[in-house]
Amino acid sequence: MSVTVTFVTGNAKKLEEVTAILGSYSSIHVVRQNIDLPEYQGENPEYIVKEKCLSALKIINGPTLVEDTCLCFNALQGLPGPYVKWFLSKIGPSGLINLLSSWEDKSAYALCLFAYCEGVGKEVKIFSGTTEGSIVTPRGAQDFGWDACFQPTGFNLTYAEMDKKTKNLISHRYRALEAMKLYFSEKSQKP
């Protein structure tokens, strides 16, 4: 049995990736709704994505999915983390590598969190995925966040240089969605 889930995002590229990653997985049918939600702030990504989901749920009033992404630099104790969207809007992908100019350590990790709630009064489920990598001088298209300056460990390409299929098999978003698929698979097997 398939459930229709409203993915609240204004970013069409995120929806494109989510749809590609879920592929033929038939337990979830994703539709998009663009709702202007409050931008929650804080150092706890789980809190941010949960509050975002609860805000969206008040409007959707049915199965709701939201996402939040962090880019965490090890040399900066996890910054910019959940603030990466604001860092990008002010300094762009080139500015991200410049933040690390005084550090040898360019290692980083990408963290994706999805929060899902099936309805008002139900528990919010959080699914996370992490991909380790490093921050590099931007390469490839610069039309999707920080993809041009994040190079996953074990690869010589940034996310932006990879073909979509490869990226969608290794990304932080892929890993979070795999955890969500597992949840739906286990849920569908319960009587």
N, C-alpha and C. Protein backbone atom coordinates (compact mmCIF):
# COMPACT_ATOMS: atom_id res chain seq x y z
N MET A 1 0.84 -1.18 0.00
CA MET A 1 0.00 0.00 0.00
C MET A 1 0.88 1.24 0.00
N SER A 2 0.60 2.16 -0.87
CA SER A 2 1.39 3.37 -1.02
C SER A 2 0.76 4.52 -0.24
N VAL A 3 1.62 5.34 0.37
CA VAL A 3 1.16 6.53 1.07
C VAL A 3 1.65 7.75 0.29
N THR A 4 0.75 8.72 0.12
CA THR A 4 1.13 9.98 -0.51
C THR A 4 1.65 10.90 0.57
N VAL A 5 2.87 11.37 0.37
CA VAL A 5 3.55 12.22 1.34
C VAL A 5 3.81 13.57 0.69
N THR A 6 3.47 14.64 1.39
CA THR A 6 3.73 15.98 0.88
C THR A 6 5.10 16.43 1.35
N PHE A 7 6.00 16.61 0.40
CA PHE A 7 7.35 17.09 0.67
C PHE A 7 7.32 18.60 0.57
N VAL A 8 7.55 19.26 1.69
CA VAL A 8 7.48 20.72 1.73
C VAL A 8 8.87 21.27 1.43
N THR A 9 9.00 21.84 0.24
CA THR A 9 10.26 22.45 -0.18
C THR A 9 9.98 23.44 -1.30
N GLY A 10 10.75 24.49 -1.33
CA GLY A 10 10.68 25.43 -2.44
C GLY A 10 11.74 25.13 -3.48
N ASN A 11 12.55 24.10 -3.22
CA ASN A 11 13.69 23.79 -4.07
C ASN A 11 13.36 22.63 -5.01
N ALA A 12 13.12 22.94 -6.27
CA ALA A 12 12.76 21.92 -7.25
C ALA A 12 13.87 20.88 -7.43
N LYS A 13 15.14 21.28 -7.28
CA LYS A 13 16.25 20.33 -7.43
C LYS A 13 16.23 19.29 -6.30
N LYS A 14 15.83 19.70 -5.10
CA LYS A 14 15.71 18.73 -4.01
C LYS A 14 14.65 17.69 -4.34
N LEU A 15 13.50 18.16 -4.83
CA LEU A 15 12.44 17.23 -5.21
C LEU A 15 12.92 16.29 -6.30
N GLU A 16 13.64 16.81 -7.27
CA GLU A 16 14.18 15.99 -8.36
C GLU A 16 15.08 14.88 -7.80
N GLU A 17 15.96 15.24 -6.86
CA GLU A 17 16.85 14.23 -6.26
C GLU A 17 16.07 13.22 -5.44
N VAL A 18 15.13 13.69 -4.64
CA VAL A 18 14.33 12.78 -3.81
C VAL A 18 13.59 11.79 -4.70
N THR A 19 12.96 12.28 -5.74
CA THR A 19 12.22 11.42 -6.66
C THR A 19 13.15 10.41 -7.34
N ALA A 20 14.32 10.87 -7.77
CA ALA A 20 15.28 9.97 -8.42
C ALA A 20 15.78 8.90 -7.44
N ILE A 21 16.06 9.29 -6.21
CA ILE A 21 16.58 8.34 -5.23
C ILE A 21 15.51 7.32 -4.84
N LEU A 22 14.29 7.78 -4.64
CA LEU A 22 13.22 6.84 -4.29
C LEU A 22 12.88 5.94 -5.47
N GLY A 23 13.06 6.45 -6.69
CA GLY A 23 12.87 5.63 -7.88
C GLY A 23 11.55 4.91 -7.90
N SER A 24 11.62 3.61 -8.06
CA SER A 24 10.41 2.80 -8.18
C SER A 24 9.91 2.30 -6.83
N TYR A 25 10.46 2.83 -5.75
CA TYR A 25 10.00 2.41 -4.42
C TYR A 25 8.52 2.78 -4.29
N SER A 26 7.67 1.77 -4.22
CA SER A 26 6.23 1.99 -4.36
C SER A 26 5.50 2.31 -3.06
N SER A 27 6.16 2.26 -1.92
CA SER A 27 5.46 2.54 -0.66
C SER A 27 5.24 4.02 -0.41
N ILE A 28 5.97 4.87 -1.13
CA ILE A 28 5.87 6.31 -0.91
C ILE A 28 5.66 7.01 -2.25
N HIS A 29 4.61 7.81 -2.32
CA HIS A 29 4.39 8.69 -3.48
C HIS A 29 4.58 10.11 -2.97
N VAL A 30 5.57 10.81 -3.52
CA VAL A 30 5.93 12.14 -3.04
C VAL A 30 5.34 13.21 -3.95
N VAL A 31 4.66 14.16 -3.33
CA VAL A 31 4.20 15.35 -4.03
C VAL A 31 4.83 16.55 -3.32
N ARG A 32 5.02 17.61 -4.06
CA ARG A 32 5.70 18.79 -3.49
C ARG A 32 4.70 19.90 -3.23
N GLN A 33 4.94 20.59 -2.12
CA GLN A 33 4.21 21.82 -1.86
C GLN A 33 5.21 22.85 -1.36
N ASN A 34 5.16 24.02 -1.94
CA ASN A 34 6.06 25.10 -1.55
C ASN A 34 5.34 25.97 -0.52
N ILE A 35 5.77 25.87 0.72
CA ILE A 35 5.19 26.65 1.81
C ILE A 35 6.31 27.45 2.45
N ASP A 36 6.06 28.70 2.71
CA ASP A 36 7.05 29.55 3.36
C ASP A 36 7.02 29.25 4.86
N LEU A 37 7.96 28.44 5.31
CA LEU A 37 8.04 28.05 6.72
C LEU A 37 9.02 28.93 7.46
N PRO A 38 8.85 29.04 8.78
CA PRO A 38 9.85 29.75 9.57
C PRO A 38 11.20 29.06 9.43
N GLU A 39 12.26 29.84 9.45
CA GLU A 39 13.62 29.29 9.40
C GLU A 39 14.10 29.11 10.84
N TYR A 40 14.02 27.90 11.32
CA TYR A 40 14.44 27.62 12.69
C TYR A 40 15.96 27.68 12.78
N GLN A 41 16.45 28.19 13.88
CA GLN A 41 17.88 28.34 14.08
C GLN A 41 18.29 27.54 15.30
N GLY A 42 19.54 27.16 15.33
CA GLY A 42 20.07 26.45 16.48
C GLY A 42 21.17 25.51 16.05
N GLU A 43 21.84 24.97 17.03
CA GLU A 43 22.95 24.07 16.74
C GLU A 43 22.52 22.61 16.68
N ASN A 44 21.27 22.33 16.99
CA ASN A 44 20.78 20.96 17.00
C ASN A 44 19.95 20.71 15.73
N PRO A 45 20.54 20.04 14.73
CA PRO A 45 19.82 19.81 13.48
C PRO A 45 18.53 19.02 13.64
N GLU A 46 18.49 18.09 14.61
CA GLU A 46 17.27 17.31 14.83
C GLU A 46 16.13 18.21 15.31
N TYR A 47 16.45 19.16 16.19
CA TYR A 47 15.45 20.11 16.66
C TYR A 47 14.92 20.94 15.49
N ILE A 48 15.83 21.42 14.66
CA ILE A 48 15.45 22.28 13.53
C ILE A 48 14.49 21.55 12.60
N VAL A 49 14.85 20.33 12.20
CA VAL A 49 14.02 19.61 11.23
C VAL A 49 12.70 19.17 11.85
N LYS A 50 12.69 18.85 13.14
CA LYS A 50 11.44 18.46 13.80
C LYS A 50 10.49 19.66 13.87
N GLU A 51 10.99 20.81 14.27
CA GLU A 51 10.14 22.00 14.35
C GLU A 51 9.63 22.41 12.97
N LYS A 52 10.48 22.26 11.98
CA LYS A 52 10.09 22.56 10.60
C LYS A 52 8.95 21.64 10.17
N CYS A 53 9.04 20.36 10.52
CA CYS A 53 8.01 19.39 10.18
C CYS A 53 6.69 19.73 10.88
N LEU A 54 6.77 20.06 12.16
CA LEU A 54 5.55 20.39 12.91
C LEU A 54 4.88 21.65 12.35
N SER A 55 5.67 22.61 11.92
CA SER A 55 5.10 23.82 11.30
C SER A 55 4.40 23.48 9.99
N ALA A 56 5.04 22.66 9.17
CA ALA A 56 4.45 22.26 7.89
C ALA A 56 3.19 21.43 8.11
N LEU A 57 3.23 20.57 9.11
CA LEU A 57 2.10 19.69 9.41
C LEU A 57 0.83 20.48 9.72
N LYS A 58 0.98 21.63 10.36
CA LYS A 58 -0.18 22.47 10.68
C LYS A 58 -0.89 22.92 9.41
N ILE A 59 -0.16 23.04 8.33
CA ILE A 59 -0.73 23.48 7.06
C ILE A 59 -1.18 22.29 6.22
N ILE A 60 -0.36 21.26 6.15
CA ILE A 60 -0.64 20.08 5.32
C ILE A 60 -1.75 19.24 5.93
N ASN A 61 -1.69 19.06 7.25
CA ASN A 61 -2.68 18.26 7.99
C ASN A 61 -2.79 16.83 7.45
N GLY A 62 -1.65 16.27 7.10
CA GLY A 62 -1.58 14.91 6.60
C GLY A 62 -0.12 14.52 6.51
N PRO A 63 0.19 13.38 5.92
CA PRO A 63 1.58 12.93 5.84
C PRO A 63 2.51 14.00 5.27
N THR A 64 3.48 14.40 6.09
CA THR A 64 4.34 15.54 5.78
C THR A 64 5.81 15.15 5.87
N LEU A 65 6.59 15.64 4.92
CA LEU A 65 8.03 15.39 4.89
C LEU A 65 8.75 16.71 4.67
N VAL A 66 9.77 16.95 5.49
CA VAL A 66 10.64 18.12 5.30
C VAL A 66 12.08 17.65 5.38
N GLU A 67 12.98 18.50 4.92
CA GLU A 67 14.40 18.15 4.92
C GLU A 67 15.20 19.34 5.40
N ASP A 68 16.30 19.06 6.06
CA ASP A 68 17.27 20.09 6.38
C ASP A 68 18.65 19.48 6.15
N THR A 69 19.54 20.31 5.63
CA THR A 69 20.87 19.84 5.29
C THR A 69 21.91 20.71 5.97
N CYS A 70 22.97 20.06 6.43
CA CYS A 70 24.08 20.76 7.08
C CYS A 70 25.37 20.41 6.35
N LEU A 71 26.29 21.35 6.32
CA LEU A 71 27.63 21.10 5.83
C LEU A 71 28.57 21.49 6.95
N CYS A 72 29.27 20.51 7.50
CA CYS A 72 30.02 20.70 8.73
C CYS A 72 31.52 20.54 8.49
N PHE A 73 32.27 21.59 8.79
CA PHE A 73 33.72 21.59 8.63
C PHE A 73 34.35 21.15 9.94
N ASN A 74 35.17 20.11 9.89
CA ASN A 74 35.78 19.60 11.12
C ASN A 74 36.70 20.62 11.77
N ALA A 75 37.44 21.39 10.97
CA ALA A 75 38.36 22.40 11.52
C ALA A 75 37.60 23.50 12.27
N LEU A 76 36.35 23.71 11.93
CA LEU A 76 35.54 24.77 12.55
C LEU A 76 34.52 24.19 13.52
N GLN A 77 34.82 23.01 14.07
CA GLN A 77 33.95 22.34 15.04
C GLN A 77 32.50 22.23 14.55
N GLY A 78 32.34 21.94 13.27
CA GLY A 78 31.01 21.69 12.73
C GLY A 78 30.34 22.87 12.02
N LEU A 79 30.94 24.04 12.10
CA LEU A 79 30.36 25.17 11.35
C LEU A 79 30.68 25.02 9.86
N PRO A 80 29.92 25.53 8.96
CA PRO A 80 28.70 26.29 9.16
C PRO A 80 27.50 25.46 9.58
N GLY A 81 27.55 24.14 9.45
CA GLY A 81 26.47 23.28 9.94
C GLY A 81 25.12 23.69 9.37
N PRO A 82 24.12 23.85 10.25
CA PRO A 82 22.78 24.19 9.77
C PRO A 82 22.67 25.60 9.21
N TYR A 83 23.72 26.40 9.38
CA TYR A 83 23.72 27.77 8.87
C TYR A 83 24.29 27.88 7.45
N VAL A 84 24.57 26.76 6.82
CA VAL A 84 25.24 26.77 5.52
C VAL A 84 24.46 27.55 4.46
N LYS A 85 23.15 27.53 4.54
CA LYS A 85 22.33 28.28 3.57
C LYS A 85 22.66 29.77 3.62
N TRP A 86 22.82 30.31 4.83
CA TRP A 86 23.12 31.73 4.99
C TRP A 86 24.56 32.03 4.59
N PHE A 87 25.47 31.13 4.94
CA PHE A 87 26.86 31.30 4.52
C PHE A 87 26.93 31.36 3.00
N LEU A 88 26.25 30.43 2.33
CA LEU A 88 26.26 30.40 0.86
C LEU A 88 25.69 31.67 0.26
N SER A 89 24.60 32.16 0.84
CA SER A 89 23.98 33.36 0.26
C SER A 89 24.88 34.59 0.40
N LYS A 90 25.75 34.59 1.40
CA LYS A 90 26.63 35.74 1.63
C LYS A 90 27.99 35.60 0.93
N ILE A 91 28.56 34.39 0.93
CA ILE A 91 29.93 34.25 0.43
C ILE A 91 30.07 33.28 -0.74
N GLY A 92 29.02 32.53 -1.06
CA GLY A 92 29.06 31.61 -2.19
C GLY A 92 29.99 30.43 -1.96
N PRO A 93 30.02 29.47 -2.90
CA PRO A 93 30.87 28.29 -2.76
C PRO A 93 32.35 28.62 -2.62
N SER A 94 32.83 29.63 -3.32
CA SER A 94 34.25 30.00 -3.19
C SER A 94 34.57 30.49 -1.79
N GLY A 95 33.64 31.18 -1.18
CA GLY A 95 33.84 31.66 0.18
C GLY A 95 33.94 30.54 1.19
N LEU A 96 33.28 29.41 0.90
CA LEU A 96 33.35 28.28 1.84
C LEU A 96 34.77 27.75 1.95
N ILE A 97 35.45 27.57 0.83
CA ILE A 97 36.84 27.09 0.90
C ILE A 97 37.72 28.16 1.54
N ASN A 98 37.41 29.42 1.30
CA ASN A 98 38.20 30.50 1.91
C ASN A 98 38.09 30.51 3.43
N LEU A 99 36.97 30.05 3.97
CA LEU A 99 36.82 29.96 5.42
C LEU A 99 37.88 29.06 6.04
N LEU A 100 38.35 28.10 5.25
CA LEU A 100 39.32 27.13 5.75
C LEU A 100 40.75 27.47 5.36
N SER A 101 40.99 28.65 4.84
CA SER A 101 42.33 28.99 4.34
C SER A 101 43.41 28.94 5.42
N SER A 102 43.07 29.14 6.66
CA SER A 102 44.06 29.11 7.75
C SER A 102 44.24 27.72 8.34
N TRP A 103 43.48 26.74 7.86
CA TRP A 103 43.56 25.39 8.40
C TRP A 103 44.03 24.41 7.34
N GLU A 104 44.86 23.48 7.77
CA GLU A 104 45.25 22.38 6.87
C GLU A 104 44.09 21.42 6.69
N ASP A 105 43.33 21.23 7.75
CA ASP A 105 42.22 20.28 7.74
C ASP A 105 41.05 20.83 6.92
N LYS A 106 40.83 20.24 5.78
CA LYS A 106 39.71 20.64 4.91
C LYS A 106 38.59 19.60 4.95
N SER A 107 38.70 18.65 5.89
CA SER A 107 37.70 17.60 5.97
C SER A 107 36.36 18.17 6.44
N ALA A 108 35.31 17.52 5.98
CA ALA A 108 33.96 17.97 6.29
C ALA A 108 33.02 16.79 6.16
N TYR A 109 31.80 17.00 6.60
CA TYR A 109 30.77 16.00 6.32
C TYR A 109 29.46 16.70 5.99
N ALA A 110 28.74 16.07 5.10
CA ALA A 110 27.41 16.54 4.71
C ALA A 110 26.40 15.72 5.49
N LEU A 111 25.46 16.40 6.10
CA LEU A 111 24.44 15.76 6.91
C LEU A 111 23.07 16.14 6.36
N CYS A 112 22.25 15.14 6.11
CA CYS A 112 20.89 15.37 5.64
C CYS A 112 19.93 14.75 6.65
N LEU A 113 18.92 15.51 7.01
CA LEU A 113 17.89 15.00 7.91
C LEU A 113 16.53 15.20 7.27
N PHE A 114 15.75 14.14 7.24
CA PHE A 114 14.36 14.22 6.83
C PHE A 114 13.51 14.00 8.08
N ALA A 115 12.46 14.79 8.21
CA ALA A 115 11.49 14.58 9.28
C ALA A 115 10.16 14.25 8.61
N TYR A 116 9.54 13.19 9.10
CA TYR A 116 8.27 12.72 8.56
C TYR A 116 7.26 12.60 9.69
N CYS A 117 6.06 13.05 9.44
CA CYS A 117 4.97 12.85 10.39
C CYS A 117 3.72 12.51 9.60
N GLU A 118 3.03 11.45 10.03
CA GLU A 118 1.87 11.03 9.25
C GLU A 118 0.62 11.83 9.54
N GLY A 119 0.62 12.61 10.62
CA GLY A 119 -0.55 13.45 10.89
C GLY A 119 -0.45 14.13 12.24
N VAL A 120 -1.37 15.06 12.46
CA VAL A 120 -1.41 15.81 13.71
C VAL A 120 -1.54 14.84 14.88
N GLY A 121 -0.72 15.06 15.90
CA GLY A 121 -0.75 14.22 17.09
C GLY A 121 0.11 12.97 16.99
N LYS A 122 0.69 12.73 15.83
CA LYS A 122 1.56 11.56 15.63
C LYS A 122 3.01 11.94 15.88
N GLU A 123 3.83 10.93 16.13
CA GLU A 123 5.25 11.15 16.39
C GLU A 123 5.99 11.56 15.12
N VAL A 124 6.90 12.51 15.27
CA VAL A 124 7.76 12.91 14.15
C VAL A 124 8.94 11.95 14.10
N LYS A 125 9.13 11.34 12.96
CA LYS A 125 10.26 10.42 12.75
C LYS A 125 11.36 11.17 12.01
N ILE A 126 12.60 10.97 12.45
CA ILE A 126 13.73 11.65 11.83
C ILE A 126 14.68 10.61 11.23
N PHE A 127 15.08 10.85 10.00
CA PHE A 127 15.98 9.97 9.28
C PHE A 127 17.20 10.78 8.86
N SER A 128 18.38 10.26 9.15
CA SER A 128 19.58 11.04 8.83
C SER A 128 20.55 10.23 7.98
N GLY A 129 21.34 10.96 7.23
CA GLY A 129 22.38 10.36 6.41
C GLY A 129 23.58 11.29 6.38
N THR A 130 24.76 10.70 6.41
CA THR A 130 26.00 11.47 6.43
C THR A 130 26.94 10.96 5.35
N THR A 131 27.62 11.89 4.69
CA THR A 131 28.68 11.55 3.75
C THR A 131 29.92 12.36 4.13
N GLU A 132 31.02 11.64 4.33
CA GLU A 132 32.30 12.29 4.66
C GLU A 132 32.95 12.79 3.38
N GLY A 133 33.74 13.84 3.51
CA GLY A 133 34.43 14.37 2.35
C GLY A 133 35.36 15.50 2.74
N SER A 134 35.62 16.37 1.77
CA SER A 134 36.46 17.53 2.03
C SER A 134 35.96 18.71 1.21
N ILE A 135 36.34 19.89 1.68
CA ILE A 135 35.98 21.13 0.99
C ILE A 135 37.11 21.49 0.04
N VAL A 136 36.75 21.72 -1.21
CA VAL A 136 37.74 21.99 -2.26
C VAL A 136 37.34 23.27 -3.00
N THR A 137 38.28 23.78 -3.80
CA THR A 137 37.97 24.90 -4.68
C THR A 137 36.81 24.47 -5.58
N PRO A 138 35.78 25.30 -5.71
CA PRO A 138 34.60 24.90 -6.48
C PRO A 138 34.94 24.42 -7.90
N ARG A 139 34.32 23.29 -8.24
CA ARG A 139 34.44 22.71 -9.58
C ARG A 139 33.07 22.19 -9.99
N GLY A 140 32.76 22.35 -11.25
CA GLY A 140 31.46 21.90 -11.75
C GLY A 140 30.43 23.01 -11.63
N ALA A 141 29.20 22.68 -12.00
CA ALA A 141 28.11 23.65 -11.98
C ALA A 141 27.89 24.18 -10.56
N GLN A 142 27.60 25.45 -10.47
CA GLN A 142 27.36 26.06 -9.16
C GLN A 142 25.90 26.46 -9.02
N ASP A 143 25.02 25.53 -9.39
CA ASP A 143 23.59 25.83 -9.37
C ASP A 143 22.81 25.05 -8.31
N PHE A 144 23.52 24.33 -7.45
CA PHE A 144 22.82 23.56 -6.41
C PHE A 144 23.62 23.63 -5.12
N GLY A 145 23.41 24.70 -4.40
CA GLY A 145 24.03 24.86 -3.08
C GLY A 145 25.54 24.77 -3.14
N TRP A 146 26.07 23.92 -2.29
CA TRP A 146 27.51 23.78 -2.12
C TRP A 146 28.07 22.55 -2.83
N ASP A 147 27.32 21.96 -3.73
CA ASP A 147 27.78 20.75 -4.44
C ASP A 147 29.13 20.95 -5.12
N ALA A 148 29.41 22.15 -5.60
CA ALA A 148 30.65 22.40 -6.36
C ALA A 148 31.90 22.39 -5.49
N CYS A 149 31.75 22.51 -4.17
CA CYS A 149 32.94 22.55 -3.31
C CYS A 149 33.01 21.38 -2.33
N PHE A 150 32.12 20.39 -2.46
CA PHE A 150 32.17 19.21 -1.58
C PHE A 150 32.59 18.00 -2.40
N GLN A 151 33.72 17.42 -2.01
CA GLN A 151 34.26 16.23 -2.68
C GLN A 151 34.17 15.06 -1.70
N PRO A 152 33.30 14.09 -1.98
CA PRO A 152 33.16 12.95 -1.08
C PRO A 152 34.44 12.12 -1.00
N THR A 153 34.70 11.59 0.17
CA THR A 153 35.86 10.73 0.38
C THR A 153 35.82 9.56 -0.59
N GLY A 154 36.98 9.28 -1.20
CA GLY A 154 37.08 8.17 -2.14
C GLY A 154 36.78 8.55 -3.58
N PHE A 155 36.48 9.81 -3.83
CA PHE A 155 36.17 10.28 -5.18
C PHE A 155 37.07 11.45 -5.53
N ASN A 156 37.33 11.60 -6.82
CA ASN A 156 38.12 12.74 -7.31
C ASN A 156 37.24 13.83 -7.88
N LEU A 157 35.95 13.68 -7.73
CA LEU A 157 34.98 14.63 -8.27
C LEU A 157 34.17 15.25 -7.13
N THR A 158 33.75 16.49 -7.34
CA THR A 158 32.80 17.09 -6.41
C THR A 158 31.42 16.56 -6.75
N TYR A 159 30.48 16.77 -5.84
CA TYR A 159 29.09 16.41 -6.15
C TYR A 159 28.66 17.03 -7.48
N ALA A 160 29.04 18.28 -7.71
CA ALA A 160 28.60 18.99 -8.92
C ALA A 160 29.18 18.39 -10.20
N GLU A 161 30.35 17.73 -10.09
CA GLU A 161 30.97 17.13 -11.27
C GLU A 161 30.45 15.72 -11.55
N MET A 162 29.83 15.11 -10.57
CA MET A 162 29.34 13.74 -10.72
C MET A 162 28.08 13.71 -11.57
N ASP A 163 27.89 12.58 -12.25
CA ASP A 163 26.59 12.41 -12.89
C ASP A 163 25.57 12.17 -11.77
N LYS A 164 24.33 12.48 -12.06
CA LYS A 164 23.29 12.42 -11.02
C LYS A 164 23.15 11.02 -10.43
N LYS A 165 23.28 10.01 -11.27
CA LYS A 165 23.11 8.64 -10.79
C LYS A 165 24.16 8.30 -9.73
N THR A 166 25.41 8.65 -9.98
CA THR A 166 26.48 8.37 -9.02
C THR A 166 26.25 9.14 -7.73
N LYS A 167 25.99 10.42 -7.85
CA LYS A 167 25.75 11.23 -6.65
C LYS A 167 24.60 10.66 -5.84
N ASN A 168 23.53 10.27 -6.51
CA ASN A 168 22.34 9.78 -5.82
C ASN A 168 22.52 8.40 -5.20
N LEU A 169 23.67 7.77 -5.42
CA LEU A 169 23.97 6.48 -4.77
C LEU A 169 24.92 6.63 -3.59
N ILE A 170 25.47 7.82 -3.39
CA ILE A 170 26.45 8.00 -2.31
C ILE A 170 26.15 9.18 -1.40
N SER A 171 25.21 10.01 -1.78
CA SER A 171 25.02 11.28 -1.07
C SER A 171 24.40 11.11 0.31
N HIS A 172 24.54 12.13 1.10
CA HIS A 172 23.92 12.23 2.41
C HIS A 172 22.39 12.13 2.28
N ARG A 173 21.83 12.70 1.24
CA ARG A 173 20.38 12.64 1.00
C ARG A 173 19.97 11.20 0.71
N TYR A 174 20.76 10.51 -0.10
CA TYR A 174 20.49 9.10 -0.40
C TYR A 174 20.44 8.27 0.89
N ARG A 175 21.42 8.47 1.75
CA ARG A 175 21.51 7.68 2.98
C ARG A 175 20.33 7.95 3.91
N ALA A 176 19.91 9.21 3.99
CA ALA A 176 18.75 9.53 4.82
C ALA A 176 17.48 8.91 4.24
N LEU A 177 17.34 8.96 2.92
CA LEU A 177 16.16 8.37 2.29
C LEU A 177 16.16 6.85 2.38
N GLU A 178 17.33 6.24 2.38
CA GLU A 178 17.40 4.78 2.58
C GLU A 178 16.88 4.42 3.97
N ALA A 179 17.22 5.23 4.97
CA ALA A 179 16.72 4.99 6.33
C ALA A 179 15.20 5.16 6.36
N MET A 180 14.69 6.13 5.62
CA MET A 180 13.24 6.34 5.57
C MET A 180 12.55 5.18 4.85
N LYS A 181 13.14 4.70 3.77
CA LYS A 181 12.57 3.55 3.06
C LYS A 181 12.51 2.33 3.97
N LEU A 182 13.55 2.12 4.76
CA LEU A 182 13.56 1.00 5.70
C LEU A 182 12.41 1.13 6.70
N TYR A 183 12.19 2.33 7.21
CA TYR A 183 11.08 2.58 8.13
C TYR A 183 9.74 2.21 7.48
N PHE A 184 9.52 2.67 6.25
CA PHE A 184 8.26 2.38 5.57
C PHE A 184 8.12 0.89 5.25
N SER A 185 9.23 0.23 4.92
CA SER A 185 9.18 -1.21 4.65
C SER A 185 8.80 -1.98 5.91
N GLU A 186 9.43 -1.63 7.03
CA GLU A 186 9.12 -2.30 8.29
C GLU A 186 7.68 -2.01 8.72
N LYS A 187 7.24 -0.79 8.52
CA LYS A 187 5.88 -0.40 8.89
C LYS A 187 4.85 -1.16 8.06
N SER A 188 5.14 -1.36 6.78
CA SER A 188 4.18 -2.05 5.91
C SER A 188 4.06 -3.53 6.23
N GLN A 189 5.05 -4.09 6.93
CA GLN A 189 5.01 -5.50 7.28
C GLN A 189 4.32 -5.76 8.61
N LYS A 190 4.02 -4.69 9.35
CA LYS A 190 3.31 -4.85 10.62
C LYS A 190 1.83 -5.01 10.35
N PRO A 191 1.18 -5.91 11.11
CA PRO A 191 -0.26 -6.12 10.90
C PRO A 191 -1.10 -4.93 11.30
